PDB file of N, CA and C in Angstrom:
ATOM      1  N   ARG A   1       7.768  21.311  -2.213  1.00  0.00           N
ATOM      2  CA  ARG A   1       9.065  20.666  -2.326  1.00  0.00           C
ATOM      3  C   ARG A   1       9.677  20.619  -0.932  1.00  0.00           C
ATOM      4  N   TYR A   2       9.993  19.424  -0.467  1.00  0.00           N
ATOM      5  CA  TYR A   2      10.476  19.236   0.899  1.00  0.00           C
ATOM      6  C   TYR A   2      11.588  18.187   0.936  1.00  0.00           C
ATOM      7  N   VAL A   3      12.604  18.445   1.721  1.00  0.00           N
ATOM      8  CA  VAL A   3      13.642  17.441   1.956  1.00  0.00           C
ATOM      9  C   VAL A   3      13.033  16.275   2.725  1.00  0.00           C
ATOM     10  N   THR A   4      12.149  16.572   3.665  1.00  0.00           N
ATOM     11  CA  THR A   4      11.381  15.545   4.375  1.00  0.00           C
ATOM     12  C   THR A   4      10.075  16.164   4.859  1.00  0.00           C
ATOM     13  N   THR A   5       9.018  15.354   4.863  1.00  0.00           N
ATOM     14  CA  THR A   5       7.715  15.852   5.296  1.00  0.00           C
ATOM     15  C   THR A   5       6.834  14.688   5.725  1.00  0.00           C
ATOM     16  N   THR A   6       5.691  15.015   6.307  1.00  0.00           N
ATOM     17  CA  THR A   6       4.661  14.032   6.610  1.00  0.00           C
ATOM     18  C   THR A   6       3.633  14.074   5.493  1.00  0.00           C
ATOM     19  N   MET A   7       3.330  12.930   4.935  1.00  0.00           N
ATOM     20  CA  MET A   7       2.297  12.836   3.901  1.00  0.00           C
ATOM     21  C   MET A   7       1.092  12.147   4.522  1.00  0.00           C
ATOM     22  N   SER A   8      -0.071  12.766   4.363  1.00  0.00           N
ATOM     23  CA  SER A   8      -1.284  12.202   4.952  1.00  0.00           C
ATOM     24  C   SER A   8      -2.450  12.373   3.997  1.00  0.00           C
ATOM     25  N   GLY A   9      -3.462  11.554   4.204  1.00  0.00           N
ATOM     26  CA  GLY A   9      -4.652  11.604   3.368  1.00  0.00           C
ATOM     27  C   GLY A   9      -5.546  10.424   3.669  1.00  0.00           C
ATOM     28  N   VAL A  10      -6.340  10.050   2.671  1.00  0.00           N
ATOM     29  CA  VAL A  10      -7.300   8.960   2.830  1.00  0.00           C
ATOM     30  C   VAL A  10      -7.070   7.941   1.715  1.00  0.00           C
ATOM     31  N   ASN A  11      -6.966   6.686   2.097  1.00  0.00           N
ATOM     32  CA  ASN A  11      -6.833   5.590   1.142  1.00  0.00           C
ATOM     33  C   ASN A  11      -8.152   5.366   0.400  1.00  0.00           C
ATOM     34  N   PRO A  12      -8.113   4.681  -0.751  1.00  0.00           N
ATOM     35  CA  PRO A  12      -9.352   4.412  -1.489  1.00  0.00           C
ATOM     36  C   PRO A  12     -10.421   3.688  -0.665  1.00  0.00           C
ATOM     37  N   ASN A  13     -10.000   2.897   0.325  1.00  0.00           N
ATOM     38  CA  ASN A  13     -10.976   2.184   1.160  1.00  0.00           C
ATOM     39  C   ASN A  13     -11.519   3.032   2.305  1.00  0.00           C
ATOM     40  N   GLY A  14     -11.105   4.310   2.370  1.00  0.00           N
ATOM     41  CA  GLY A  14     -11.617   5.226   3.385  1.00  0.00           C
ATOM     42  C   GLY A  14     -10.780   5.324   4.642  1.00  0.00           C
ATOM     43  N   THR A  15      -9.757   4.485   4.790  1.00  0.00           N
ATOM     44  CA  THR A  15      -8.909   4.563   5.976  1.00  0.00           C
ATOM     45  C   THR A  15      -7.872   5.674   5.804  1.00  0.00           C
ATOM     46  N   PRO A  16      -7.589   6.380   6.883  1.00  0.00           N
ATOM     47  CA  PRO A  16      -6.598   7.459   6.785  1.00  0.00           C
ATOM     48  C   PRO A  16      -5.172   6.918   6.817  1.00  0.00           C
ATOM     49  N   TYR A  17      -4.249   7.675   6.243  1.00  0.00           N
ATOM     50  CA  TYR A  17      -2.825   7.377   6.390  1.00  0.00           C
ATOM     51  C   TYR A  17      -2.113   8.650   6.816  1.00  0.00           C
ATOM     52  N   ASP A  18      -1.050   8.486   7.565  1.00  0.00           N
ATOM     53  CA  ASP A  18      -0.256   9.602   8.079  1.00  0.00           C
ATOM     54  C   ASP A  18       1.179   9.096   8.185  1.00  0.00           C
ATOM     55  N   ASP A  19       1.969   9.337   7.131  1.00  0.00           N
ATOM     56  CA  ASP A  19       3.322   8.793   7.034  1.00  0.00           C
ATOM     57  C   ASP A  19       4.354   9.891   7.275  1.00  0.00           C
ATOM     58  N   PRO A  20       4.971   9.923   8.467  1.00  0.00           N
ATOM     59  CA  PRO A  20       5.992  10.941   8.747  1.00  0.00           C
ATOM     60  C   PRO A  20       7.345  10.567   8.135  1.00  0.00           C
ATOM     61  N   GLY A  21       8.187  11.557   7.938  1.00  0.00           N
ATOM     62  CA  GLY A  21       9.564  11.321   7.516  1.00  0.00           C
ATOM     63  C   GLY A  21       9.734  10.904   6.073  1.00  0.00           C
ATOM     64  N   ILE A  22       8.808  11.256   5.197  1.00  0.00           N
ATOM     65  CA  ILE A  22       8.941  10.906   3.781  1.00  0.00           C
ATOM     66  C   ILE A  22       9.992  11.831   3.161  1.00  0.00           C
ATOM     67  N   PRO A  23      11.051  11.267   2.560  1.00  0.00           N
ATOM     68  CA  PRO A  23      12.146  12.098   2.055  1.00  0.00           C
ATOM     69  C   PRO A  23      12.004  12.489   0.584  1.00  0.00           C
ATOM     70  N   TRP A  24      12.660  13.606   0.255  1.00  0.00           N
ATOM     71  CA  TRP A  24      12.864  14.048  -1.128  1.00  0.00           C
ATOM     72  C   TRP A  24      11.545  14.198  -1.889  1.00  0.00           C
ATOM     73  N   VAL A  25      10.650  15.017  -1.364  1.00  0.00           N
ATOM     74  CA  VAL A  25       9.300  15.161  -1.903  1.00  0.00           C
ATOM     75  C   VAL A  25       9.217  16.349  -2.853  1.00  0.00           C
ATOM     76  N   SER A  26       8.821  16.084  -4.095  1.00  0.00           N
ATOM     77  CA  SER A  26       8.574  17.131  -5.096  1.00  0.00           C
ATOM     78  C   SER A  26       7.166  16.926  -5.640  1.00  0.00           C
ATOM     79  N   TYR A  27       6.218  17.770  -5.196  1.00  0.00           N
ATOM     80  CA  TYR A  27       4.833  17.668  -5.664  1.00  0.00           C
ATOM     81  C   TYR A  27       4.733  18.122  -7.109  1.00  0.00           C
ATOM     82  N   PHE A  28       3.906  17.429  -7.900  1.00  0.00           N
ATOM     83  CA  PHE A  28       3.733  17.811  -9.301  1.00  0.00           C
ATOM     84  C   PHE A  28       2.280  17.902  -9.724  1.00  0.00           C
ATOM     85  N   ASN A  29       1.340  17.388  -8.935  1.00  0.00           N
ATOM     86  CA  ASN A  29      -0.072  17.436  -9.316  1.00  0.00           C
ATOM     87  C   ASN A  29      -0.917  17.325  -8.057  1.00  0.00           C
ATOM     88  N   GLY A  30      -1.219  18.460  -7.431  1.00  0.00           N
ATOM     89  CA  GLY A  30      -1.974  18.409  -6.180  1.00  0.00           C
ATOM     90  C   GLY A  30      -1.204  17.642  -5.129  1.00  0.00           C
ATOM     91  N   GLY A  31      -1.743  16.506  -4.689  1.00  0.00           N
ATOM     92  CA  GLY A  31      -1.079  15.693  -3.680  1.00  0.00           C
ATOM     93  C   GLY A  31      -0.162  14.623  -4.235  1.00  0.00           C
ATOM     94  N   ASP A  32      -0.018  14.560  -5.556  1.00  0.00           N
ATOM     95  CA  ASP A  32       0.880  13.578  -6.169  1.00  0.00           C
ATOM     96  C   ASP A  32       2.304  14.116  -6.171  1.00  0.00           C
ATOM     97  N   ALA A  33       3.261  13.246  -5.913  1.00  0.00           N
ATOM     98  CA  ALA A  33       4.645  13.703  -5.788  1.00  0.00           C
ATOM     99  C   ALA A  33       5.631  12.627  -6.209  1.00  0.00           C
ATOM    100  N   LEU A  34       6.819  13.075  -6.566  1.00  0.00           N
ATOM    101  CA  LEU A  34       7.990  12.211  -6.646  1.00  0.00           C
ATOM    102  C   LEU A  34       8.533  12.160  -5.229  1.00  0.00           C
ATOM    103  N   HIS A  35       8.837  10.979  -4.695  1.00  0.00           N
ATOM    104  CA  HIS A  35       9.387  10.924  -3.334  1.00  0.00           C
ATOM    105  C   HIS A  35       9.974   9.558  -3.026  1.00  0.00           C
ATOM    106  N   GLY A  36      10.774   9.533  -1.990  1.00  0.00           N
ATOM    107  CA  GLY A  36      11.315   8.278  -1.503  1.00  0.00           C
ATOM    108  C   GLY A  36      10.270   7.536  -0.691  1.00  0.00           C
ATOM    109  N   PHE A  37      10.237   6.220  -0.827  1.00  0.00           N
ATOM    110  CA  PHE A  37       9.331   5.388  -0.033  1.00  0.00           C
ATOM    111  C   PHE A  37       9.829   3.954  -0.128  1.00  0.00           C
ATOM    112  N   LEU A  38       9.941   3.301   1.009  1.00  0.00           N
ATOM    113  CA  LEU A  38      10.443   1.925   1.013  1.00  0.00           C
ATOM    114  C   LEU A  38       9.359   0.949   0.584  1.00  0.00           C
ATOM    115  N   ARG A  39       9.649   0.195  -0.446  1.00  0.00           N
ATOM    116  CA  ARG A  39       8.772  -0.856  -0.964  1.00  0.00           C
ATOM    117  C   ARG A  39       9.626  -2.097  -1.208  1.00  0.00           C
ATOM    118  N   SER A  40       8.993  -3.253  -1.250  1.00  0.00           N
ATOM    119  CA  SER A  40       9.751  -4.467  -1.572  1.00  0.00           C
ATOM    120  C   SER A  40      10.071  -4.530  -3.058  1.00  0.00           C
ATOM    121  N   GLN A  41       9.246  -3.859  -3.897  1.00  0.00           N
ATOM    122  CA  GLN A  41       9.468  -3.809  -5.345  1.00  0.00           C
ATOM    123  C   GLN A  41       8.998  -2.456  -5.866  1.00  0.00           C
ATOM    124  N   TYR A  42       9.548  -2.055  -6.994  1.00  0.00           N
ATOM    125  CA  TYR A  42       9.162  -0.808  -7.655  1.00  0.00           C
ATOM    126  C   TYR A  42       8.881  -1.105  -9.126  1.00  0.00           C
ATOM    127  N   GLY A  43       8.262  -0.140  -9.820  1.00  0.00           N
ATOM    128  CA  GLY A  43       8.098  -0.266 -11.260  1.00  0.00           C
ATOM    129  C   GLY A  43       6.695  -0.599 -11.731  1.00  0.00           C
ATOM    130  N   PHE A  44       5.730  -0.625 -10.807  1.00  0.00           N
ATOM    131  CA  PHE A  44       4.344  -0.860 -11.204  1.00  0.00           C
ATOM    132  C   PHE A  44       3.446  -0.059 -10.265  1.00  0.00           C
ATOM    133  N   PRO A  45       2.197   0.236 -10.672  1.00  0.00           N
ATOM    134  CA  PRO A  45       1.312   1.065  -9.838  1.00  0.00           C
ATOM    135  C   PRO A  45       1.045   0.424  -8.479  1.00  0.00           C
ATOM    136  N   GLN A  46       1.311   1.180  -7.415  1.00  0.00           N
ATOM    137  CA  GLN A  46       1.007   0.705  -6.065  1.00  0.00           C
ATOM    138  C   GLN A  46       0.804   1.858  -5.093  1.00  0.00           C
ATOM    139  N   SER A  47       0.633   3.065  -5.624  1.00  0.00           N
ATOM    140  CA  SER A  47       0.381   4.216  -4.764  1.00  0.00           C
ATOM    141  C   SER A  47      -0.913   4.879  -5.208  1.00  0.00           C
ATOM    142  N   LEU A  48      -1.230   6.010  -4.610  1.00  0.00           N
ATOM    143  CA  LEU A  48      -2.446   6.752  -4.959  1.00  0.00           C
ATOM    144  C   LEU A  48      -2.195   7.770  -6.062  1.00  0.00           C
ATOM    145  N   GLY A  49      -1.053   7.689  -6.721  1.00  0.00           N
ATOM    146  CA  GLY A  49      -0.717   8.622  -7.794  1.00  0.00           C
ATOM    147  C   GLY A  49       0.697   9.145  -7.712  1.00  0.00           C
ATOM    148  N   CYS A  50       1.369   8.878  -6.611  1.00  0.00           N
ATOM    149  CA  CYS A  50       2.755   9.317  -6.449  1.00  0.00           C
ATOM    150  C   CYS A  50       3.704   8.416  -7.239  1.00  0.00           C
ATOM    151  N   VAL A  51       4.903   8.922  -7.454  1.00  0.00           N
ATOM    152  CA  VAL A  51       5.987   8.132  -8.021  1.00  0.00           C
ATOM    153  C   VAL A  51       6.938   7.846  -6.865  1.00  0.00           C
ATOM    154  N   GLU A  52       6.875   6.630  -6.343  1.00  0.00           N
ATOM    155  CA  GLU A  52       7.684   6.243  -5.193  1.00  0.00           C
ATOM    156  C   GLU A  52       8.976   5.595  -5.669  1.00  0.00           C
ATOM    157  N   MET A  53      10.076   5.967  -5.018  1.00  0.00           N
ATOM    158  CA  MET A  53      11.400   5.468  -5.403  1.00  0.00           C
ATOM    159  C   MET A  53      12.187   5.073  -4.165  1.00  0.00           C
ATOM    160  N   PRO A  54      13.220   4.235  -4.341  1.00  0.00           N
ATOM    161  CA  PRO A  54      14.151   4.010  -3.235  1.00  0.00           C
ATOM    162  C   PRO A  54      14.726   5.355  -2.783  1.00  0.00           C
ATOM    163  N   PHE A  55      15.077   5.454  -1.517  1.00  0.00           N
ATOM    164  CA  PHE A  55      15.565   6.727  -0.968  1.00  0.00           C
ATOM    165  C   PHE A  55      16.720   7.307  -1.783  1.00  0.00           C
ATOM    166  N   ALA A  56      17.695   6.475  -2.159  1.00  0.00           N
ATOM    167  CA  ALA A  56      18.862   6.977  -2.898  1.00  0.00           C
ATOM    168  C   ALA A  56      18.456   7.548  -4.253  1.00  0.00           C
ATOM    169  N   SER A  57      17.526   6.905  -4.940  1.00  0.00           N
ATOM    170  CA  SER A  57      17.067   7.395  -6.245  1.00  0.00           C
ATOM    171  C   SER A  57      16.321   8.710  -6.101  1.00  0.00           C
ATOM    172  N   ALA A  58      15.455   8.798  -5.107  1.00  0.00           N
ATOM    173  CA  ALA A  58      14.711  10.037  -4.880  1.00  0.00           C
ATOM    174  C   ALA A  58      15.660  11.180  -4.537  1.00  0.00           C
ATOM    175  N   GLY A  59      16.671  10.901  -3.722  1.00  0.00           N
ATOM    176  CA  GLY A  59      17.662  11.922  -3.382  1.00  0.00           C
ATOM    177  C   GLY A  59      18.482  12.357  -4.579  1.00  0.00           C
ATOM    178  N   ALA A  60      18.734  11.437  -5.501  1.00  0.00           N
ATOM    179  CA  ALA A  60      19.533  11.763  -6.686  1.00  0.00           C
ATOM    180  C   ALA A  60      18.775  12.671  -7.651  1.00  0.00           C
ATOM    181  N   ILE A  61      17.457  12.481  -7.795  1.00  0.00           N
ATOM    182  CA  ILE A  61      16.721  13.327  -8.741  1.00  0.00           C
ATOM    183  C   ILE A  61      16.202  14.617  -8.116  1.00  0.00           C
ATOM    184  N   TYR A  62      16.157  14.691  -6.786  1.00  0.00           N
ATOM    185  CA  TYR A  62      15.624  15.878  -6.110  1.00  0.00           C
ATOM    186  C   TYR A  62      16.272  17.176  -6.596  1.00  0.00           C
ATOM    187  N   PRO A  63      17.591  17.259  -6.726  1.00  0.00           N
ATOM    188  CA  PRO A  63      18.192  18.518  -7.195  1.00  0.00           C
ATOM    189  C   PRO A  63      17.810  18.876  -8.633  1.00  0.00           C
ATOM    190  N   TRP A  64      17.348  17.904  -9.401  1.00  0.00           N
ATOM    191  CA  TRP A  64      17.004  18.118 -10.809  1.00  0.00           C
ATOM    192  C   TRP A  64      15.524  18.403 -11.028  1.00  0.00           C
ATOM    193  N   THR A  65      14.749  18.475  -9.939  1.00  0.00           N
ATOM    194  CA  THR A  65      13.305  18.703 -10.073  1.00  0.00           C
ATOM    195  C   THR A  65      12.854  19.906  -9.256  1.00  0.00           C
ATOM    196  N   PRO A  66      13.353  21.103  -9.587  1.00  0.00           N
ATOM    197  CA  PRO A  66      12.893  22.292  -8.868  1.00  0.00           C
ATOM    198  C   PRO A  66      11.414  22.558  -9.163  1.00  0.00           C
ATOM    199  N   ILE A  67      10.804  23.396  -8.363  1.00  0.00           N
ATOM    200  CA  ILE A  67       9.405  23.764  -8.575  1.00  0.00           C
ATOM    201  C   ILE A  67       9.230  24.272  -9.999  1.00  0.00           C
ATOM    202  N   GLY A  68       8.219  23.760 -10.682  1.00  0.00           N
ATOM    203  CA  GLY A  68       7.942  24.144 -12.059  1.00  0.00           C
ATOM    204  C   GLY A  68       8.442  23.150 -13.086  1.00  0.00           C
ATOM    205  N   THR A  69       9.161  22.115 -12.645  1.00  0.00           N
ATOM    206  CA  THR A  69       9.656  21.093 -13.571  1.00  0.00           C
ATOM    207  C   THR A  69       8.484  20.316 -14.168  1.00  0.00           C
ATOM    208  N   LEU A  70       8.467  20.176 -15.486  1.00  0.00           N
ATOM    209  CA  LEU A  70       7.439  19.388 -16.156  1.00  0.00           C
ATOM    210  C   LEU A  70       7.678  17.908 -15.870  1.00  0.00           C
ATOM    211  N   VAL A  71       6.657  17.226 -15.393  1.00  0.00           N
ATOM    212  CA  VAL A  71       6.742  15.796 -15.094  1.00  0.00           C
ATOM    213  C   VAL A  71       5.773  15.059 -16.005  1.00  0.00           C
ATOM    214  N   THR A  72       6.269  14.095 -16.745  1.00  0.00           N
ATOM    215  CA  THR A  72       5.436  13.255 -17.600  1.00  0.00           C
ATOM    216  C   THR A  72       5.554  11.822 -17.104  1.00  0.00           C
ATOM    217  N   ILE A  73       4.430  11.217 -16.753  1.00  0.00           N
ATOM    218  CA  ILE A  73       4.406   9.841 -16.272  1.00  0.00           C
ATOM    219  C   ILE A  73       3.984   8.953 -17.438  1.00  0.00           C
ATOM    220  N   LEU A  74       4.816   7.988 -17.777  1.00  0.00           N
ATOM    221  CA  LEU A  74       4.512   7.084 -18.898  1.00  0.00           C
ATOM    222  C   LEU A  74       4.023   5.753 -18.393  1.00  0.00           C
TER     223      LEU A  74
END
């Protein structure tokens, strides 16, 4: 759980990613997390398993998702 962090890993095509300054990060399944991320649209799969939200939305739910919070993705 981080107010801001660098998220890094490998994309499905094998290229690495290293994204600094990712806000409001709450990990729930290994490297999967709820977090802020700027996208042109939200509401459909476009990440490697994370739940990406506008910064304001991620900041609003961060206080409600302490470590151990059950997360169900529908």
